Each structure stands twice: as structure tokens, then as C-alpha cells.
Amino acid sequence: KPRDPHILKLSGGTTALPVMELLEANDQGDACSGKTKALKESMVLMDFIEDHFHDTAPPVRRQDPYERAVENLMVATIEPSFVASGYRLVLNQDPDKKKSLVQKYLEEHKKINDFLLEYGTNASDNNKTPWLFDRFGWAEAVFTSFFQRFWFVPYYEGDEVDLPIQNDPAYARVKEWRKACMEHPAAQQVCHDQIIKLYYDYSRGAGNGALPEGRKVSSFSFDAPDWSERPMPPRDKYGNGATDEELGLLEENTCSQRKKQKTTP
């Protein structure tokens, strides 16, 4: 079962995450009515959190109308195609299509680079920062999670895919921004190996909890052993896929691995 029935109920039957479950308040305003409601879609959840905590936490969005419009412009015009380029690349199972998909992936990074140069801080500014403006803000919050998820691109497609971004001056601004975003304290909830292990099924063409052929447990399963107890998946996404056992998705297999580690001198 790729998704728990409770999650499917909250999401209206769709398998895409995230979904947020909220407790409904009773007549006295206490969140103990026992009733719940749900919201989904990442941008919707970000808007909700920003609005809900506006009195108790510093805003993430820019307060200046023009700067807020620039943030919205970047998210609206670049984020959808950028996200799609990374997912299409990792989900692709046809080696002959890889070259064109890599090119599209790099083009999307170039769009980010050029946008930052046009609208954000740059080397000519007296108070240069790596951010779009002067701090980690709304655009950074939106793009950082995808920068982290796209750790799976060089892992499954080859380190050479990322070399232009690392070495070509045409990508210098997005390289700087990406590095700053991923090193920010607010972005330390996940790590490289965690993303690689959880997204293995995507590299086999199966997204949103779907199961690759011949498998019984999703790499995203909440019932599987924790990602930290699993081995790193094979990097060859175009060859034969790994089994549930080889991926460490079976509890009994993980238990035997622990036992072997304890008995090994």
C-alpha cells in the first residue's frame, strides 16, 4: 500500500504529498472538538502558515510591495518549469531522452541565474548578499526544498550533469544562491542520503508512492525501516532495479543486518 488510508482520506484520494491535517476548534475556541480538516499542495500550505502565524513570527515574505511582487514573479514564472525539469529527468526511463532532459534542466537553472542578476543583489551592490534581497525569504523558502530534492539528479544521472552549474560562469549566480539556500539553518531538516534513499522509486519511473514492477514496498513507505537503516541504492537507474530486500525495505532484513553488525568483531 503506497499510501495509508487515513492519508488518502485527507488528500481526497490523491497520492501526492504534502497534506496537512488540522484540528477544528470547538465553540470555546479550543482545538479539541475531535473534528479535523485538511489542506494540501505545498504553496497553499506555505501561504497558510505565513498567514496563520503573522502575529507570532517574523514574516518570510517581503513587506515592500515591489519586492513582494518580484518574489511572486520568480515563483510564478520559474518554479513550475524548474520543478518539472528535475522530476522529468529522474523519472525518465529512456536513455535516448536523457540528453535533451539534462539540457532542459540546465536551461531552468540558467533562468534562475538570469532572474537573480536582473532583480536581486549582485556584485555591483554595496551590500551584496547571496539572497534575492537581503535575507532568506519567500523565494528561497520555495526553491530550497527542490534544490535539496534534486540531489537525486547527479546521483542517478551522473555527477557530470551538475558540472556546468559548478564550473561555468554563466551559472555563477544561481550556484551561489543554491549553496546559500541549502546551507541555511532552516534547511537542515533533511540530508543528501535521506533524499537519495527515499526517491529511489522515482529513479525507476514510479512517483508519488507508486510501486516499480516487481516490488511490494515503496521507498517512501512509512512502515518500512527508517531511511538511516537502509543501504545506499544503486546509482544505475537504467539497469536492473534493486529489490525490496536489497533496498533495506523489509523489517526482517533490517533486523538481521543489525544482528550481524552487533556480532561482527
C-alpha atoms as a PDB file:
ATOM      1  CA  LYS A   1       0.000   0.000   0.000  1.00  0.00           C
ATOM      2  CA  PRO A   2       1.813   3.144  -1.136  1.00  0.00           C
ATOM      3  CA  ARG A   3      -0.378   5.448   0.953  1.00  0.00           C
ATOM      4  CA  ASP A   4      -2.122   4.885   4.284  1.00  0.00           C
ATOM      5  CA  PRO A   5      -5.956   5.006   4.022  1.00  0.00           C
ATOM      6  CA  HIS A   6      -6.033   7.903   6.502  1.00  0.00           C
ATOM      7  CA  ILE A   7      -3.714   9.967   4.298  1.00  0.00           C
ATOM      8  CA  LEU A   8      -5.758   9.152   1.206  1.00  0.00           C
ATOM      9  CA  LYS A   9      -8.871  10.313   3.046  1.00  0.00           C
ATOM     10  CA  LEU A  10      -7.215  13.604   3.943  1.00  0.00           C
ATOM     11  CA  SER A  11      -5.935  14.140   0.390  1.00  0.00           C
ATOM     12  CA  GLY A  12      -9.229  13.267  -1.287  1.00  0.00           C
ATOM     13  CA  GLY A  13      -7.785  10.102  -2.794  1.00  0.00           C
ATOM     14  CA  THR A  14      -4.686  11.587  -4.426  1.00  0.00           C
ATOM     15  CA  THR A  15      -1.240  10.203  -3.599  1.00  0.00           C
ATOM     16  CA  ALA A  16       0.751  13.439  -3.893  1.00  0.00           C
ATOM     17  CA  LEU A  17       2.116  14.879  -0.666  1.00  0.00           C
ATOM     18  CA  PRO A  18       2.297  17.008   1.447  1.00  0.00           C
ATOM     19  CA  VAL A  19      -1.059  17.174   3.179  1.00  0.00           C
ATOM     20  CA  MET A  20      -1.752  18.942   6.476  1.00  0.00           C
ATOM     21  CA  GLU A  21      -4.340  17.738   8.995  1.00  0.00           C
ATOM     22  CA  LEU A  22      -5.835  20.486  11.153  1.00  0.00           C
ATOM     23  CA  LEU A  23      -7.904  20.177  14.307  1.00  0.00           C
ATOM     24  CA  GLU A  24     -11.148  22.133  14.232  1.00  0.00           C
ATOM     25  CA  ALA A  25     -11.775  24.393  17.213  1.00  0.00           C
ATOM     26  CA  ASN A  26     -14.912  23.989  19.325  1.00  0.00           C
ATOM     27  CA  ASP A  27     -17.304  26.790  20.262  1.00  0.00           C
ATOM     28  CA  GLN A  28     -14.922  27.948  23.002  1.00  0.00           C
ATOM     29  CA  GLY A  29     -12.070  28.245  20.508  1.00  0.00           C
ATOM     30  CA  ASP A  30     -10.158  25.236  21.797  1.00  0.00           C
ATOM     31  CA  ALA A  31      -8.707  22.778  19.279  1.00  0.00           C
ATOM     32  CA  CYS A  32     -10.296  19.789  20.964  1.00  0.00           C
ATOM     33  CA  SER A  33     -13.502  19.229  19.047  1.00  0.00           C
ATOM     34  CA  GLY A  34     -12.221  15.925  17.695  1.00  0.00           C
ATOM     35  CA  LYS A  35     -13.020  17.037  14.149  1.00  0.00           C
ATOM     36  CA  THR A  36     -10.342  17.607  11.544  1.00  0.00           C
ATOM     37  CA  LYS A  37      -9.953  19.307   8.186  1.00  0.00           C
ATOM     38  CA  ALA A  38      -7.161  19.118   5.663  1.00  0.00           C
ATOM     39  CA  LEU A  39      -5.140  21.272   3.283  1.00  0.00           C
ATOM     40  CA  LYS A  40      -2.740  20.138   0.563  1.00  0.00           C
ATOM     41  CA  GLU A  41      -0.361  21.483  -2.104  1.00  0.00           C
ATOM     42  CA  SER A  42       2.962  22.943  -0.974  1.00  0.00           C
ATOM     43  CA  MET A  43       2.308  26.558  -1.971  1.00  0.00           C
ATOM     44  CA  VAL A  44      -1.123  26.508  -0.325  1.00  0.00           C
ATOM     45  CA  LEU A  45       0.425  25.229   2.895  1.00  0.00           C
ATOM     46  CA  MET A  46       3.162  27.862   2.787  1.00  0.00           C
ATOM     47  CA  ASP A  47       0.564  30.614   2.343  1.00  0.00           C
ATOM     48  CA  PHE A  48      -1.493  29.205   5.220  1.00  0.00           C
ATOM     49  CA  ILE A  49       1.490  29.033   7.596  1.00  0.00           C
ATOM     50  CA  GLU A  50       2.624  32.551   6.675  1.00  0.00           C
ATOM     51  CA  ASP A  51      -0.859  33.977   7.288  1.00  0.00           C
ATOM     52  CA  HIS A  52      -1.632  31.879  10.368  1.00  0.00           C
ATOM     53  CA  PHE A  53       1.496  32.920  12.263  1.00  0.00           C
ATOM     54  CA  HIS A  54       1.672  36.532  11.096  1.00  0.00           C
ATOM     55  CA  ASP A  55       1.199  37.826  14.665  1.00  0.00           C
ATOM     56  CA  THR A  56       3.675  35.489  16.348  1.00  0.00           C
ATOM     57  CA  ALA A  57       6.608  35.088  13.934  1.00  0.00           C
ATOM     58  CA  PRO A  58       8.628  37.371  11.641  1.00  0.00           C
ATOM     59  CA  PRO A  59       7.256  37.390   8.090  1.00  0.00           C
ATOM     60  CA  VAL A  60       9.006  35.379   5.409  1.00  0.00           C
ATOM     61  CA  ARG A  61       7.501  37.355   2.541  1.00  0.00           C
ATOM     62  CA  ARG A  62       8.850  40.798   1.728  1.00  0.00           C
ATOM     63  CA  GLN A  63       6.796  43.648   3.152  1.00  0.00           C
ATOM     64  CA  ASP A  64       7.652  46.106   0.401  1.00  0.00           C
ATOM     65  CA  PRO A  65       5.004  45.761  -2.368  1.00  0.00           C
ATOM     66  CA  TYR A  66       7.529  45.809  -5.210  1.00  0.00           C
ATOM     67  CA  GLU A  67       9.848  43.283  -3.578  1.00  0.00           C
ATOM     68  CA  ARG A  68       6.909  41.015  -2.785  1.00  0.00           C
ATOM     69  CA  ALA A  69       5.841  41.264  -6.419  1.00  0.00           C
ATOM     70  CA  VAL A  70       9.360  40.235  -7.506  1.00  0.00           C
ATOM     71  CA  GLU A  71       9.188  37.201  -5.220  1.00  0.00           C
ATOM     72  CA  ASN A  72       5.804  36.265  -6.686  1.00  0.00           C
ATOM     73  CA  LEU A  73       7.102  36.819 -10.215  1.00  0.00           C
ATOM     74  CA  MET A  74      10.035  34.469  -9.654  1.00  0.00           C
ATOM     75  CA  VAL A  75       7.860  31.761  -8.143  1.00  0.00           C
ATOM     76  CA  ALA A  76       5.102  32.076 -10.751  1.00  0.00           C
ATOM     77  CA  THR A  77       7.301  32.187 -13.859  1.00  0.00           C
ATOM     78  CA  ILE A  78      10.221  29.901 -12.972  1.00  0.00           C
ATOM     79  CA  GLU A  79       9.314  27.474 -10.184  1.00  0.00           C
ATOM     80  CA  PRO A  80       6.801  25.279 -12.116  1.00  0.00           C
ATOM     81  CA  SER A  81       9.080  24.570 -15.083  1.00  0.00           C
ATOM     82  CA  PHE A  82      12.162  24.266 -12.868  1.00  0.00           C
ATOM     83  CA  VAL A  83      10.492  21.653 -10.680  1.00  0.00           C
ATOM     84  CA  ALA A  84       9.152  19.788 -13.706  1.00  0.00           C
ATOM     85  CA  SER A  85      12.609  19.641 -15.314  1.00  0.00           C
ATOM     86  CA  GLY A  86      14.132  17.844 -12.342  1.00  0.00           C
ATOM     87  CA  TYR A  87      11.293  15.382 -11.896  1.00  0.00           C
ATOM     88  CA  ARG A  88      11.027  14.583 -15.605  1.00  0.00           C
ATOM     89  CA  LEU A  89      14.743  13.865 -15.659  1.00  0.00           C
ATOM     90  CA  VAL A  90      14.764  11.484 -12.709  1.00  0.00           C
ATOM     91  CA  LEU A  91      11.537   9.742 -13.775  1.00  0.00           C
ATOM     92  CA  ASN A  92      12.765   9.195 -17.338  1.00  0.00           C
ATOM     93  CA  GLN A  93      13.476   5.562 -18.221  1.00  0.00           C
ATOM     94  CA  ASP A  94      14.633   6.087 -21.803  1.00  0.00           C
ATOM     95  CA  PRO A  95      18.430   6.653 -22.088  1.00  0.00           C
ATOM     96  CA  ASP A  96      17.936   8.238 -25.522  1.00  0.00           C
ATOM     97  CA  LYS A  97      15.914  11.065 -23.946  1.00  0.00           C
ATOM     98  CA  LYS A  98      18.428  11.830 -21.225  1.00  0.00           C
ATOM     99  CA  LYS A  99      20.468  14.387 -23.187  1.00  0.00           C
ATOM    100  CA  SER A 100      17.505  16.626 -24.009  1.00  0.00           C
ATOM    101  CA  LEU A 101      16.137  16.373 -20.468  1.00  0.00           C
ATOM    102  CA  VAL A 102      19.513  17.331 -18.998  1.00  0.00           C
ATOM    103  CA  GLN A 103      19.637  20.313 -21.351  1.00  0.00           C
ATOM    104  CA  LYS A 104      16.203  21.440 -20.160  1.00  0.00           C
ATOM    105  CA  TYR A 105      17.294  21.008 -16.537  1.00  0.00           C
ATOM    106  CA  LEU A 106      20.312  23.253 -17.143  1.00  0.00           C
ATOM    107  CA  GLU A 107      18.216  25.825 -19.016  1.00  0.00           C
ATOM    108  CA  GLU A 108      15.959  26.146 -15.984  1.00  0.00           C
ATOM    109  CA  HIS A 109      18.967  26.841 -13.761  1.00  0.00           C
ATOM    110  CA  LYS A 110      20.078  29.500 -16.263  1.00  0.00           C
ATOM    111  CA  LYS A 111      16.642  31.144 -15.949  1.00  0.00           C
ATOM    112  CA  ILE A 112      17.104  31.374 -12.185  1.00  0.00           C
ATOM    113  CA  ASN A 113      20.608  32.754 -12.696  1.00  0.00           C
ATOM    114  CA  ASP A 114      19.408  35.480 -15.057  1.00  0.00           C
ATOM    115  CA  PHE A 115      16.444  36.411 -12.856  1.00  0.00           C
ATOM    116  CA  LEU A 116      18.719  36.857  -9.827  1.00  0.00           C
ATOM    117  CA  LEU A 117      21.042  39.074 -11.856  1.00  0.00           C
ATOM    118  CA  GLU A 118      18.183  41.230 -13.107  1.00  0.00           C
ATOM    119  CA  TYR A 119      16.129  41.618  -9.940  1.00  0.00           C
ATOM    120  CA  GLY A 120      18.306  40.616  -6.998  1.00  0.00           C
ATOM    121  CA  THR A 121      21.506  41.678  -5.311  1.00  0.00           C
ATOM    122  CA  ASN A 122      24.695  41.317  -7.358  1.00  0.00           C
ATOM    123  CA  ALA A 123      28.356  42.140  -7.320  1.00  0.00           C
ATOM    124  CA  SER A 124      27.738  45.821  -8.115  1.00  0.00           C
ATOM    125  CA  ASP A 125      25.708  46.321  -4.924  1.00  0.00           C
ATOM    126  CA  ASN A 126      27.437  47.831  -1.919  1.00  0.00           C
ATOM    127  CA  ASN A 127      25.730  45.399   0.453  1.00  0.00           C
ATOM    128  CA  LYS A 128      25.998  42.230  -1.579  1.00  0.00           C
ATOM    129  CA  THR A 129      24.342  39.118  -0.190  1.00  0.00           C
ATOM    130  CA  PRO A 130      23.746  35.702  -1.806  1.00  0.00           C
ATOM    131  CA  TRP A 131      19.965  36.142  -1.432  1.00  0.00           C
ATOM    132  CA  LEU A 132      17.422  37.558  -3.821  1.00  0.00           C
ATOM    133  CA  PHE A 133      17.259  40.541  -1.476  1.00  0.00           C
ATOM    134  CA  ASP A 134      18.923  40.856   1.938  1.00  0.00           C
ATOM    135  CA  ARG A 135      17.895  37.640   3.704  1.00  0.00           C
ATOM    136  CA  PHE A 136      16.494  34.143   3.275  1.00  0.00           C
ATOM    137  CA  GLY A 137      12.973  34.959   2.128  1.00  0.00           C
ATOM    138  CA  TRP A 138       9.928  33.633   0.291  1.00  0.00           C
ATOM    139  CA  ALA A 139      11.679  32.747  -2.974  1.00  0.00           C
ATOM    140  CA  GLU A 140      14.435  30.981  -1.043  1.00  0.00           C
ATOM    141  CA  ALA A 141      11.869  29.039   1.004  1.00  0.00           C
ATOM    142  CA  VAL A 142      10.110  27.898  -2.173  1.00  0.00           C
ATOM    143  CA  PHE A 143      13.196  26.825  -4.133  1.00  0.00           C
ATOM    144  CA  THR A 144      15.358  25.362  -1.358  1.00  0.00           C
ATOM    145  CA  SER A 145      13.323  22.201  -0.885  1.00  0.00           C
ATOM    146  CA  PHE A 146      13.669  21.467  -4.597  1.00  0.00           C
ATOM    147  CA  PHE A 147      17.390  22.186  -4.618  1.00  0.00           C
ATOM    148  CA  GLN A 148      17.644  19.563  -1.903  1.00  0.00           C
ATOM    149  CA  ARG A 149      15.367  17.088  -3.643  1.00  0.00           C
ATOM    150  CA  PHE A 150      17.420  17.466  -6.789  1.00  0.00           C
ATOM    151  CA  TRP A 151      20.369  15.887  -5.018  1.00  0.00           C
ATOM    152  CA  PHE A 152      18.942  12.844  -6.789  1.00  0.00           C
ATOM    153  CA  VAL A 153      19.838  14.249 -10.214  1.00  0.00           C
ATOM    154  CA  PRO A 154      23.659  13.877 -10.108  1.00  0.00           C
ATOM    155  CA  TYR A 155      23.333  10.689  -8.044  1.00  0.00           C
ATOM    156  CA  TYR A 156      21.094   8.867 -10.520  1.00  0.00           C
ATOM    157  CA  GLU A 157      22.010  10.685 -13.749  1.00  0.00           C
ATOM    158  CA  GLY A 158      25.745  11.100 -13.165  1.00  0.00           C
ATOM    159  CA  ASP A 159      27.891  13.753 -11.480  1.00  0.00           C
ATOM    160  CA  GLU A 160      28.675  15.276 -14.870  1.00  0.00           C
ATOM    161  CA  VAL A 161      25.107  16.613 -15.108  1.00  0.00           C
ATOM    162  CA  ASP A 162      25.872  19.191 -12.419  1.00  0.00           C
ATOM    163  CA  LEU A 163      29.318  20.176 -13.711  1.00  0.00           C
ATOM    164  CA  PRO A 164      28.131  23.157 -15.825  1.00  0.00           C
ATOM    165  CA  ILE A 165      26.416  24.651 -12.771  1.00  0.00           C
ATOM    166  CA  GLN A 166      29.578  24.098 -10.733  1.00  0.00           C
ATOM    167  CA  ASN A 167      32.109  25.367 -13.269  1.00  0.00           C
ATOM    168  CA  ASP A 168      30.510  27.560 -15.952  1.00  0.00           C
ATOM    169  CA  PRO A 169      30.499  31.315 -15.088  1.00  0.00           C
ATOM    170  CA  ALA A 170      27.099  31.547 -16.799  1.00  0.00           C
ATOM    171  CA  TYR A 171      25.661  29.767 -13.750  1.00  0.00           C
ATOM    172  CA  ALA A 172      27.704  31.589 -11.095  1.00  0.00           C
ATOM    173  CA  ARG A 173      24.784  33.493  -9.538  1.00  0.00           C
ATOM    174  CA  VAL A 174      22.442  30.511  -9.237  1.00  0.00           C
ATOM    175  CA  LYS A 175      25.330  28.410  -7.907  1.00  0.00           C
ATOM    176  CA  GLU A 176      25.914  30.999  -5.184  1.00  0.00           C
ATOM    177  CA  TRP A 177      22.196  31.225  -4.368  1.00  0.00           C
ATOM    178  CA  ARG A 178      21.686  27.460  -4.321  1.00  0.00           C
ATOM    179  CA  LYS A 179      24.652  26.960  -1.984  1.00  0.00           C
ATOM    180  CA  ALA A 180      23.451  29.639   0.426  1.00  0.00           C
ATOM    181  CA  CYS A 181      19.910  28.270   0.423  1.00  0.00           C
ATOM    182  CA  MET A 182      20.995  24.708   1.161  1.00  0.00           C
ATOM    183  CA  GLU A 183      23.374  25.795   3.937  1.00  0.00           C
ATOM    184  CA  HIS A 184      20.806  27.968   5.726  1.00  0.00           C
ATOM    185  CA  PRO A 185      19.914  26.742   9.249  1.00  0.00           C
ATOM    186  CA  ALA A 186      16.232  26.481   8.293  1.00  0.00           C
ATOM    187  CA  ALA A 187      17.112  23.975   5.554  1.00  0.00           C
ATOM    188  CA  GLN A 188      18.779  21.317   7.688  1.00  0.00           C
ATOM    189  CA  GLN A 189      15.746  19.080   8.211  1.00  0.00           C
ATOM    190  CA  VAL A 190      16.832  16.573   5.555  1.00  0.00           C
ATOM    191  CA  CYS A 191      20.195  15.373   4.262  1.00  0.00           C
ATOM    192  CA  HIS A 192      21.638  14.064   0.993  1.00  0.00           C
ATOM    193  CA  ASP A 193      21.470  10.338   1.796  1.00  0.00           C
ATOM    194  CA  GLN A 194      17.893  10.621   3.035  1.00  0.00           C
ATOM    195  CA  ILE A 195      16.715  12.144  -0.249  1.00  0.00           C
ATOM    196  CA  ILE A 196      18.609   9.568  -2.317  1.00  0.00           C
ATOM    197  CA  LYS A 197      17.078   6.622  -0.452  1.00  0.00           C
ATOM    198  CA  LEU A 198      13.528   7.969  -0.323  1.00  0.00           C
ATOM    199  CA  TYR A 199      13.455   8.941  -4.005  1.00  0.00           C
ATOM    200  CA  TYR A 200      14.866   5.695  -5.368  1.00  0.00           C
ATOM    201  CA  ASP A 201      11.469   4.704  -6.781  1.00  0.00           C
ATOM    202  CA  TYR A 202      11.359   7.946  -8.764  1.00  0.00           C
ATOM    203  CA  SER A 203      14.586   6.879 -10.466  1.00  0.00           C
ATOM    204  CA  ARG A 204      12.695   3.749 -11.548  1.00  0.00           C
ATOM    205  CA  GLY A 205       9.860   5.799 -13.076  1.00  0.00           C
ATOM    206  CA  ALA A 206       7.452   5.426 -10.141  1.00  0.00           C
ATOM    207  CA  GLY A 207       6.442   8.649  -8.391  1.00  0.00           C
ATOM    208  CA  ASN A 208       4.059   9.667  -5.620  1.00  0.00           C
ATOM    209  CA  GLY A 209       4.105   6.330  -3.835  1.00  0.00           C
ATOM    210  CA  ALA A 210       3.618   4.129  -6.902  1.00  0.00           C
ATOM    211  CA  LEU A 211       5.443   0.802  -6.912  1.00  0.00           C
ATOM    212  CA  PRO A 212       8.027  -0.174  -9.532  1.00  0.00           C
ATOM    213  CA  GLU A 213       7.405  -3.501 -11.230  1.00  0.00           C
ATOM    214  CA  GLY A 214       8.237  -6.482  -9.034  1.00  0.00           C
ATOM    215  CA  ARG A 215       8.339  -4.501  -5.794  1.00  0.00           C
ATOM    216  CA  LYS A 216       5.991  -4.697  -2.788  1.00  0.00           C
ATOM    217  CA  VAL A 217       7.214  -1.851  -0.588  1.00  0.00           C
ATOM    218  CA  SER A 218       7.557   1.789  -1.614  1.00  0.00           C
ATOM    219  CA  SER A 219      10.817   3.580  -0.856  1.00  0.00           C
ATOM    220  CA  PHE A 220       8.540   6.223   0.710  1.00  0.00           C
ATOM    221  CA  SER A 221       6.638   3.747   2.888  1.00  0.00           C
ATOM    222  CA  PHE A 222       6.027   4.908   6.466  1.00  0.00           C
ATOM    223  CA  ASP A 223       6.031   1.247   7.544  1.00  0.00           C
ATOM    224  CA  ALA A 224       9.472   0.408   6.124  1.00  0.00           C
ATOM    225  CA  PRO A 225      12.636   0.651   8.250  1.00  0.00           C
ATOM    226  CA  ASP A 226      13.885   4.196   8.727  1.00  0.00           C
ATOM    227  CA  TRP A 227      15.947   5.564   5.839  1.00  0.00           C
ATOM    228  CA  SER A 228      19.025   5.772   8.100  1.00  0.00           C
ATOM    229  CA  GLU A 229      18.997   1.987   8.488  1.00  0.00           C
ATOM    230  CA  ARG A 230      18.901   1.296   4.754  1.00  0.00           C
ATOM    231  CA  PRO A 231      21.886   0.917   2.389  1.00  0.00           C
ATOM    232  CA  MET A 232      22.516   3.442  -0.365  1.00  0.00           C
ATOM    233  CA  PRO A 233      20.615   2.449  -3.530  1.00  0.00           C
ATOM    234  CA  PRO A 234      22.403   1.553  -6.783  1.00  0.00           C
ATOM    235  CA  ARG A 235      23.106   4.598  -8.955  1.00  0.00           C
ATOM    236  CA  ASP A 236      22.398   2.855 -12.284  1.00  0.00           C
ATOM    237  CA  LYS A 237      18.756   3.781 -12.899  1.00  0.00           C
ATOM    238  CA  TYR A 238      18.716   2.329 -16.412  1.00  0.00           C
ATOM    239  CA  GLY A 239      19.813  -1.169 -15.403  1.00  0.00           C
ATOM    240  CA  ASN A 240      18.009  -3.801 -13.369  1.00  0.00           C
ATOM    241  CA  GLY A 241      16.196  -2.359 -10.383  1.00  0.00           C
ATOM    242  CA  ALA A 242      17.032  -3.268  -6.790  1.00  0.00           C
ATOM    243  CA  THR A 243      14.688  -5.497  -4.796  1.00  0.00           C
ATOM    244  CA  ASP A 244      12.901  -4.586  -1.577  1.00  0.00           C
ATOM    245  CA  GLU A 245      15.461  -6.652   0.306  1.00  0.00           C
ATOM    246  CA  GLU A 246      18.446  -5.008  -1.387  1.00  0.00           C
ATOM    247  CA  LEU A 247      16.992  -1.590  -0.565  1.00  0.00           C
ATOM    248  CA  GLY A 248      16.564  -2.498   3.105  1.00  0.00           C
ATOM    249  CA  LEU A 249      12.793  -2.011   2.950  1.00  0.00           C
ATOM    250  CA  LEU A 250      11.941  -5.262   4.730  1.00  0.00           C
ATOM    251  CA  GLU A 251      11.896  -5.154   8.526  1.00  0.00           C
ATOM    252  CA  GLU A 252      13.216  -8.676   8.957  1.00  0.00           C
ATOM    253  CA  ASN A 253      16.130  -7.885   6.629  1.00  0.00           C
ATOM    254  CA  THR A 254      16.978  -4.784   8.635  1.00  0.00           C
ATOM    255  CA  CYS A 255      16.801  -6.723  11.889  1.00  0.00           C
ATOM    256  CA  SER A 256      19.215  -9.343  10.549  1.00  0.00           C
ATOM    257  CA  GLN A 257      21.584  -6.585   9.421  1.00  0.00           C
ATOM    258  CA  ARG A 258      21.525  -5.090  12.935  1.00  0.00           C
ATOM    259  CA  LYS A 259      22.182  -8.510  14.460  1.00  0.00           C
ATOM    260  CA  LYS A 260      25.087  -9.109  12.088  1.00  0.00           C
ATOM    261  CA  GLN A 261      26.595  -5.731  12.948  1.00  0.00           C
ATOM    262  CA  LYS A 262      26.392  -6.498  16.685  1.00  0.00           C
ATOM    263  CA  THR A 263      28.093  -9.896  16.316  1.00  0.00           C
ATOM    264  CA  THR A 264      30.826  -8.697  13.964  1.00  0.00           C
ATOM    265  CA  PRO A 265      34.090  -8.134  15.951  1.00  0.00           C
END
